């Protein structure tokens, strides 16, 4: 492999790892690009060779994290798990991912704050999340395991809203348990009897 290309990959990975570290330690809002580059041992200019902003770095990190969930779901699908089991697994894997990487929550907060103006929402807000759920739901409808009278995008949106609701819940309950109970209600509602 080309040494220059290898260095570019290493720099990008170092920036993303440093961003994760800083976002976890200080929160997304209180992390500056300079904090990320200092932790990565790189110059600020190097950061901008890879990302235009810390928001863009966050989206790249989220994409990578959701790829892990997607790979695990694909593995389960090859094991012939039912669609409802896949949705439950995907939901709880995502809940665990968010719980372990709380810096992702500003994405949900931003979505809520801009929800009255959909044109202001980032076009790529959790794109992997939506795609994974839509594919599983489509599979479930084609196998007659999930009701067909509810459009795929409505069901997918409901899954997304559960994470938002749990993230800002005032209930005295751990985040993952909150998600688990909400997912159970949703799965019971979409199941084809």
C-alpha atoms as a PDB file:
ATOM      1  CA  UNK A   1       0.000   0.000   0.000  1.00  0.00           C
ATOM      2  CA  UNK A   2       1.185   3.536  -0.804  1.00  0.00           C
ATOM      3  CA  UNK A   3       2.959   5.180   2.175  1.00  0.00           C
ATOM      4  CA  UNK A   4       1.241   8.531   1.588  1.00  0.00           C
ATOM      5  CA  UNK A   5      -2.172   6.862   1.442  1.00  0.00           C
ATOM      6  CA  UNK A   6      -1.376   4.863   4.590  1.00  0.00           C
ATOM      7  CA  UNK A   7      -0.413   8.085   6.387  1.00  0.00           C
ATOM      8  CA  UNK A   8      -3.657   9.754   5.295  1.00  0.00           C
ATOM      9  CA  UNK A   9      -5.670   6.833   6.662  1.00  0.00           C
ATOM     10  CA  UNK A  10      -3.690   6.921   9.915  1.00  0.00           C
ATOM     11  CA  UNK A  11      -4.242  10.686  10.284  1.00  0.00           C
ATOM     12  CA  UNK A  12      -7.977  10.396   9.668  1.00  0.00           C
ATOM     13  CA  UNK A  13      -8.242   7.542  12.162  1.00  0.00           C
ATOM     14  CA  UNK A  14      -6.185   9.501  14.726  1.00  0.00           C
ATOM     15  CA  UNK A  15      -8.477  12.514  14.325  1.00  0.00           C
ATOM     16  CA  UNK A  16     -11.620  10.395  14.694  1.00  0.00           C
ATOM     17  CA  UNK A  17     -10.246   8.569  17.762  1.00  0.00           C
ATOM     18  CA  UNK A  18      -9.189  11.879  19.329  1.00  0.00           C
ATOM     19  CA  UNK A  19     -12.610  13.366  18.580  1.00  0.00           C
ATOM     20  CA  UNK A  20     -14.318  10.409  20.265  1.00  0.00           C
ATOM     21  CA  UNK A  21     -12.039  10.829  23.289  1.00  0.00           C
ATOM     22  CA  UNK A  22     -12.651  14.576  23.531  1.00  0.00           C
ATOM     23  CA  UNK A  23     -16.413  14.332  22.887  1.00  0.00           C
ATOM     24  CA  UNK A  24     -16.712  11.717  25.645  1.00  0.00           C
ATOM     25  CA  UNK A  25     -14.546  13.689  28.072  1.00  0.00           C
ATOM     26  CA  UNK A  26     -15.891  17.201  27.456  1.00  0.00           C
ATOM     27  CA  UNK A  27     -19.106  16.835  25.495  1.00  0.00           C
ATOM     28  CA  UNK A  28     -19.610  17.820  21.893  1.00  0.00           C
ATOM     29  CA  UNK A  29     -20.415  21.496  22.529  1.00  0.00           C
ATOM     30  CA  UNK A  30     -17.373  22.046  24.755  1.00  0.00           C
ATOM     31  CA  UNK A  31     -14.872  20.404  22.419  1.00  0.00           C
ATOM     32  CA  UNK A  32     -12.936  22.585  20.018  1.00  0.00           C
ATOM     33  CA  UNK A  33     -11.124  21.448  16.895  1.00  0.00           C
ATOM     34  CA  UNK A  34      -7.883  22.471  18.645  1.00  0.00           C
ATOM     35  CA  UNK A  35      -8.682  20.023  21.487  1.00  0.00           C
ATOM     36  CA  UNK A  36      -9.116  17.221  18.978  1.00  0.00           C
ATOM     37  CA  UNK A  37      -5.907  17.950  17.109  1.00  0.00           C
ATOM     38  CA  UNK A  38      -3.907  18.305  20.331  1.00  0.00           C
ATOM     39  CA  UNK A  39      -5.107  14.874  21.477  1.00  0.00           C
ATOM     40  CA  UNK A  40      -4.362  13.446  18.016  1.00  0.00           C
ATOM     41  CA  UNK A  41      -0.890  14.996  18.025  1.00  0.00           C
ATOM     42  CA  UNK A  42      -1.609  16.777  14.751  1.00  0.00           C
ATOM     43  CA  UNK A  43      -1.918  20.378  13.630  1.00  0.00           C
ATOM     44  CA  UNK A  44      -5.252  22.173  13.279  1.00  0.00           C
ATOM     45  CA  UNK A  45      -4.647  22.499   9.539  1.00  0.00           C
ATOM     46  CA  UNK A  46      -4.397  18.719   9.262  1.00  0.00           C
ATOM     47  CA  UNK A  47      -7.893  18.395  10.754  1.00  0.00           C
ATOM     48  CA  UNK A  48      -9.273  20.568   7.946  1.00  0.00           C
ATOM     49  CA  UNK A  49      -7.643  18.322   5.348  1.00  0.00           C
ATOM     50  CA  UNK A  50     -10.151  15.657   6.420  1.00  0.00           C
ATOM     51  CA  UNK A  51     -13.170  17.481   7.887  1.00  0.00           C
ATOM     52  CA  UNK A  52     -14.729  20.901   7.370  1.00  0.00           C
ATOM     53  CA  UNK A  53     -16.001  21.093  10.952  1.00  0.00           C
ATOM     54  CA  UNK A  54     -16.317  19.125  14.159  1.00  0.00           C
ATOM     55  CA  UNK A  55     -19.950  18.442  13.130  1.00  0.00           C
ATOM     56  CA  UNK A  56     -18.680  16.735   9.992  1.00  0.00           C
ATOM     57  CA  UNK A  57     -16.236  14.704  12.104  1.00  0.00           C
ATOM     58  CA  UNK A  58     -19.131  13.715  14.378  1.00  0.00           C
ATOM     59  CA  UNK A  59     -21.167  12.514  11.383  1.00  0.00           C
ATOM     60  CA  UNK A  60     -18.197  10.441  10.165  1.00  0.00           C
ATOM     61  CA  UNK A  61     -17.845   8.886  13.619  1.00  0.00           C
ATOM     62  CA  UNK A  62     -21.571   8.129  13.811  1.00  0.00           C
ATOM     63  CA  UNK A  63     -21.427   6.530  10.363  1.00  0.00           C
ATOM     64  CA  UNK A  64     -18.570   4.271  11.491  1.00  0.00           C
ATOM     65  CA  UNK A  65     -20.368   3.316  14.702  1.00  0.00           C
ATOM     66  CA  UNK A  66     -23.566   2.472  12.848  1.00  0.00           C
ATOM     67  CA  UNK A  67     -21.574   0.355  10.371  1.00  0.00           C
ATOM     68  CA  UNK A  68     -20.719  -1.900  13.312  1.00  0.00           C
ATOM     69  CA  UNK A  69     -24.420  -2.267  14.143  1.00  0.00           C
ATOM     70  CA  UNK A  70     -25.204  -2.955  10.482  1.00  0.00           C
ATOM     71  CA  UNK A  71     -22.549  -5.686  10.249  1.00  0.00           C
ATOM     72  CA  UNK A  72     -23.925  -7.384  13.373  1.00  0.00           C
ATOM     73  CA  UNK A  73     -27.480  -7.199  12.004  1.00  0.00           C
ATOM     74  CA  UNK A  74     -26.358  -8.703   8.678  1.00  0.00           C
ATOM     75  CA  UNK A  75     -24.698 -11.549  10.560  1.00  0.00           C
ATOM     76  CA  UNK A  76     -27.930 -12.216  12.482  1.00  0.00           C
ATOM     77  CA  UNK A  77     -29.943 -12.056   9.260  1.00  0.00           C
ATOM     78  CA  UNK A  78     -27.728 -14.790   7.776  1.00  0.00           C
ATOM     79  CA  UNK A  79     -28.567 -16.866  10.852  1.00  0.00           C
ATOM     80  CA  UNK A  80     -32.226 -16.689   9.726  1.00  0.00           C
ATOM     81  CA  UNK A  81     -33.429 -14.672  12.715  1.00  0.00           C
ATOM     82  CA  UNK A  82     -37.005 -13.434  12.503  1.00  0.00           C
ATOM     83  CA  UNK A  83     -37.490  -9.836  11.451  1.00  0.00           C
ATOM     84  CA  UNK A  84     -38.848  -8.888  14.866  1.00  0.00           C
ATOM     85  CA  UNK A  85     -35.745 -10.383  16.520  1.00  0.00           C
ATOM     86  CA  UNK A  86     -33.571  -8.435  14.076  1.00  0.00           C
ATOM     87  CA  UNK A  87     -35.408  -5.194  14.878  1.00  0.00           C
ATOM     88  CA  UNK A  88     -35.070  -5.829  18.600  1.00  0.00           C
ATOM     89  CA  UNK A  89     -31.365  -6.657  18.243  1.00  0.00           C
ATOM     90  CA  UNK A  90     -30.727  -3.630  16.037  1.00  0.00           C
ATOM     91  CA  UNK A  91     -32.646  -1.376  18.430  1.00  0.00           C
ATOM     92  CA  UNK A  92     -30.792  -2.543  21.497  1.00  0.00           C
ATOM     93  CA  UNK A  93     -27.408  -2.480  19.718  1.00  0.00           C
ATOM     94  CA  UNK A  94     -28.123   1.110  18.738  1.00  0.00           C
ATOM     95  CA  UNK A  95     -29.243   1.937  22.295  1.00  0.00           C
ATOM     96  CA  UNK A  96     -25.998   0.504  23.644  1.00  0.00           C
ATOM     97  CA  UNK A  97     -23.982   2.441  21.056  1.00  0.00           C
ATOM     98  CA  UNK A  98     -25.698   5.726  22.011  1.00  0.00           C
ATOM     99  CA  UNK A  99     -25.437   4.994  25.732  1.00  0.00           C
ATOM    100  CA  UNK A 100     -21.687   4.327  25.439  1.00  0.00           C
ATOM    101  CA  UNK A 101     -21.153   7.366  23.189  1.00  0.00           C
ATOM    102  CA  UNK A 102     -23.334  10.054  24.751  1.00  0.00           C
ATOM    103  CA  UNK A 103     -21.719  12.695  22.552  1.00  0.00           C
ATOM    104  CA  UNK A 104     -24.089  11.475  19.803  1.00  0.00           C
ATOM    105  CA  UNK A 105     -27.055  12.949  21.673  1.00  0.00           C
ATOM    106  CA  UNK A 106     -26.556  16.507  20.331  1.00  0.00           C
ATOM    107  CA  UNK A 107     -27.639  15.140  16.944  1.00  0.00           C
ATOM    108  CA  UNK A 108     -30.992  14.226  18.454  1.00  0.00           C
ATOM    109  CA  UNK A 109     -31.237  17.547  20.302  1.00  0.00           C
ATOM    110  CA  UNK A 110     -30.504  19.403  17.081  1.00  0.00           C
ATOM    111  CA  UNK A 111     -33.174  17.406  15.263  1.00  0.00           C
ATOM    112  CA  UNK A 112     -35.748  18.249  17.934  1.00  0.00           C
ATOM    113  CA  UNK A 113     -34.857  21.953  17.936  1.00  0.00           C
ATOM    114  CA  UNK A 114     -35.208  22.122  14.145  1.00  0.00           C
ATOM    115  CA  UNK A 115     -38.178  19.758  13.830  1.00  0.00           C
ATOM    116  CA  UNK A 116     -40.575  22.642  13.096  1.00  0.00           C
ATOM    117  CA  UNK A 117     -38.428  23.492  10.064  1.00  0.00           C
ATOM    118  CA  UNK A 118     -37.616  20.225   8.257  1.00  0.00           C
ATOM    119  CA  UNK A 119     -35.716  22.135   5.570  1.00  0.00           C
ATOM    120  CA  UNK A 120     -33.160  23.040   8.275  1.00  0.00           C
ATOM    121  CA  UNK A 121     -32.420  19.452   9.230  1.00  0.00           C
ATOM    122  CA  UNK A 122     -29.117  18.075   7.972  1.00  0.00           C
ATOM    123  CA  UNK A 123     -29.753  15.832   4.992  1.00  0.00           C
ATOM    124  CA  UNK A 124     -27.456  13.168   6.434  1.00  0.00           C
ATOM    125  CA  UNK A 125     -28.844  13.064   9.996  1.00  0.00           C
ATOM    126  CA  UNK A 126     -28.184   9.478  11.085  1.00  0.00           C
ATOM    127  CA  UNK A 127     -28.474   8.091   7.529  1.00  0.00           C
ATOM    128  CA  UNK A 128     -27.134   4.661   8.449  1.00  0.00           C
ATOM    129  CA  UNK A 129     -29.634   4.319  11.264  1.00  0.00           C
ATOM    130  CA  UNK A 130     -32.576   4.939   8.967  1.00  0.00           C
ATOM    131  CA  UNK A 131     -31.281   2.665   6.206  1.00  0.00           C
ATOM    132  CA  UNK A 132     -30.711  -0.298   8.536  1.00  0.00           C
ATOM    133  CA  UNK A 133     -34.196  -0.103  10.006  1.00  0.00           C
ATOM    134  CA  UNK A 134     -35.894   0.422   6.641  1.00  0.00           C
ATOM    135  CA  UNK A 135     -34.186  -2.663   5.184  1.00  0.00           C
ATOM    136  CA  UNK A 136     -35.252  -4.835   8.123  1.00  0.00           C
ATOM    137  CA  UNK A 137     -38.820  -3.517   8.032  1.00  0.00           C
ATOM    138  CA  UNK A 138     -39.035  -4.084   4.268  1.00  0.00           C
ATOM    139  CA  UNK A 139     -37.797  -7.651   4.786  1.00  0.00           C
ATOM    140  CA  UNK A 140     -40.414  -8.173   7.492  1.00  0.00           C
ATOM    141  CA  UNK A 141     -43.218  -6.904   5.303  1.00  0.00           C
ATOM    142  CA  UNK A 142     -42.124  -9.090   2.395  1.00  0.00           C
ATOM    143  CA  UNK A 143     -42.066 -12.135   4.716  1.00  0.00           C
ATOM    144  CA  UNK A 144     -45.461 -11.143   6.116  1.00  0.00           C
ATOM    145  CA  UNK A 145     -43.974 -10.816   9.627  1.00  0.00           C
ATOM    146  CA  UNK A 146     -44.691  -7.077   9.841  1.00  0.00           C
ATOM    147  CA  UNK A 147     -47.968  -5.362   9.051  1.00  0.00           C
ATOM    148  CA  UNK A 148     -48.142  -3.988   5.514  1.00  0.00           C
ATOM    149  CA  UNK A 149     -50.814  -1.384   6.244  1.00  0.00           C
ATOM    150  CA  UNK A 150     -48.201   0.899   7.841  1.00  0.00           C
ATOM    151  CA  UNK A 151     -45.648   2.493   5.484  1.00  0.00           C
ATOM    152  CA  UNK A 152     -41.999   1.574   6.036  1.00  0.00           C
ATOM    153  CA  UNK A 153     -40.927   5.190   6.536  1.00  0.00           C
ATOM    154  CA  UNK A 154     -43.525   5.698   9.304  1.00  0.00           C
ATOM    155  CA  UNK A 155     -42.280   2.634  11.205  1.00  0.00           C
ATOM    156  CA  UNK A 156     -38.658   3.684  10.710  1.00  0.00           C
ATOM    157  CA  UNK A 157     -39.457   7.178  11.969  1.00  0.00           C
ATOM    158  CA  UNK A 158     -41.104   5.685  15.048  1.00  0.00           C
ATOM    159  CA  UNK A 159     -37.901   3.797  15.875  1.00  0.00           C
ATOM    160  CA  UNK A 160     -35.902   7.011  15.489  1.00  0.00           C
ATOM    161  CA  UNK A 161     -38.302   8.919  17.746  1.00  0.00           C
ATOM    162  CA  UNK A 162     -37.903   6.321  20.513  1.00  0.00           C
ATOM    163  CA  UNK A 163     -34.232   7.253  20.836  1.00  0.00           C
ATOM    164  CA  UNK A 164     -35.114  10.929  21.005  1.00  0.00           C
ATOM    165  CA  UNK A 165     -37.795  10.302  23.629  1.00  0.00           C
ATOM    166  CA  UNK A 166     -35.502   8.140  25.773  1.00  0.00           C
ATOM    167  CA  UNK A 167     -32.604  10.594  25.470  1.00  0.00           C
ATOM    168  CA  UNK A 168     -34.693  13.389  26.966  1.00  0.00           C
ATOM    169  CA  UNK A 169     -36.920  11.319  29.232  1.00  0.00           C
ATOM    170  CA  UNK A 170     -37.497  12.508  32.781  1.00  0.00           C
ATOM    171  CA  UNK A 171     -38.293   8.958  33.939  1.00  0.00           C
ATOM    172  CA  UNK A 172     -36.045   7.532  36.641  1.00  0.00           C
ATOM    173  CA  UNK A 173     -34.893   4.678  34.434  1.00  0.00           C
ATOM    174  CA  UNK A 174     -31.634   3.772  32.680  1.00  0.00           C
ATOM    175  CA  UNK A 175     -31.498   4.775  29.015  1.00  0.00           C
ATOM    176  CA  UNK A 176     -31.235   1.206  27.640  1.00  0.00           C
ATOM    177  CA  UNK A 177     -34.127  -0.039  29.785  1.00  0.00           C
ATOM    178  CA  UNK A 178     -36.248   2.886  28.613  1.00  0.00           C
ATOM    179  CA  UNK A 179     -35.470   1.933  25.008  1.00  0.00           C
ATOM    180  CA  UNK A 180     -36.130  -1.780  25.638  1.00  0.00           C
ATOM    181  CA  UNK A 181     -39.627  -1.125  26.989  1.00  0.00           C
ATOM    182  CA  UNK A 182     -40.537   1.320  24.232  1.00  0.00           C
ATOM    183  CA  UNK A 183     -39.247  -1.098  21.567  1.00  0.00           C
ATOM    184  CA  UNK A 184     -41.354  -3.909  23.024  1.00  0.00           C
ATOM    185  CA  UNK A 185     -44.507  -1.802  22.668  1.00  0.00           C
ATOM    186  CA  UNK A 186     -43.579  -0.820  19.097  1.00  0.00           C
ATOM    187  CA  UNK A 187     -42.757  -4.401  18.047  1.00  0.00           C
ATOM    188  CA  UNK A 188     -46.065  -5.647  19.468  1.00  0.00           C
ATOM    189  CA  UNK A 189     -47.858  -2.952  17.446  1.00  0.00           C
ATOM    190  CA  UNK A 190     -46.260  -3.719  14.079  1.00  0.00           C
ATOM    191  CA  UNK A 191     -46.278  -7.505  14.376  1.00  0.00           C
ATOM    192  CA  UNK A 192     -48.469  -9.214  11.782  1.00  0.00           C
ATOM    193  CA  UNK A 193     -50.780 -11.575  13.645  1.00  0.00           C
END
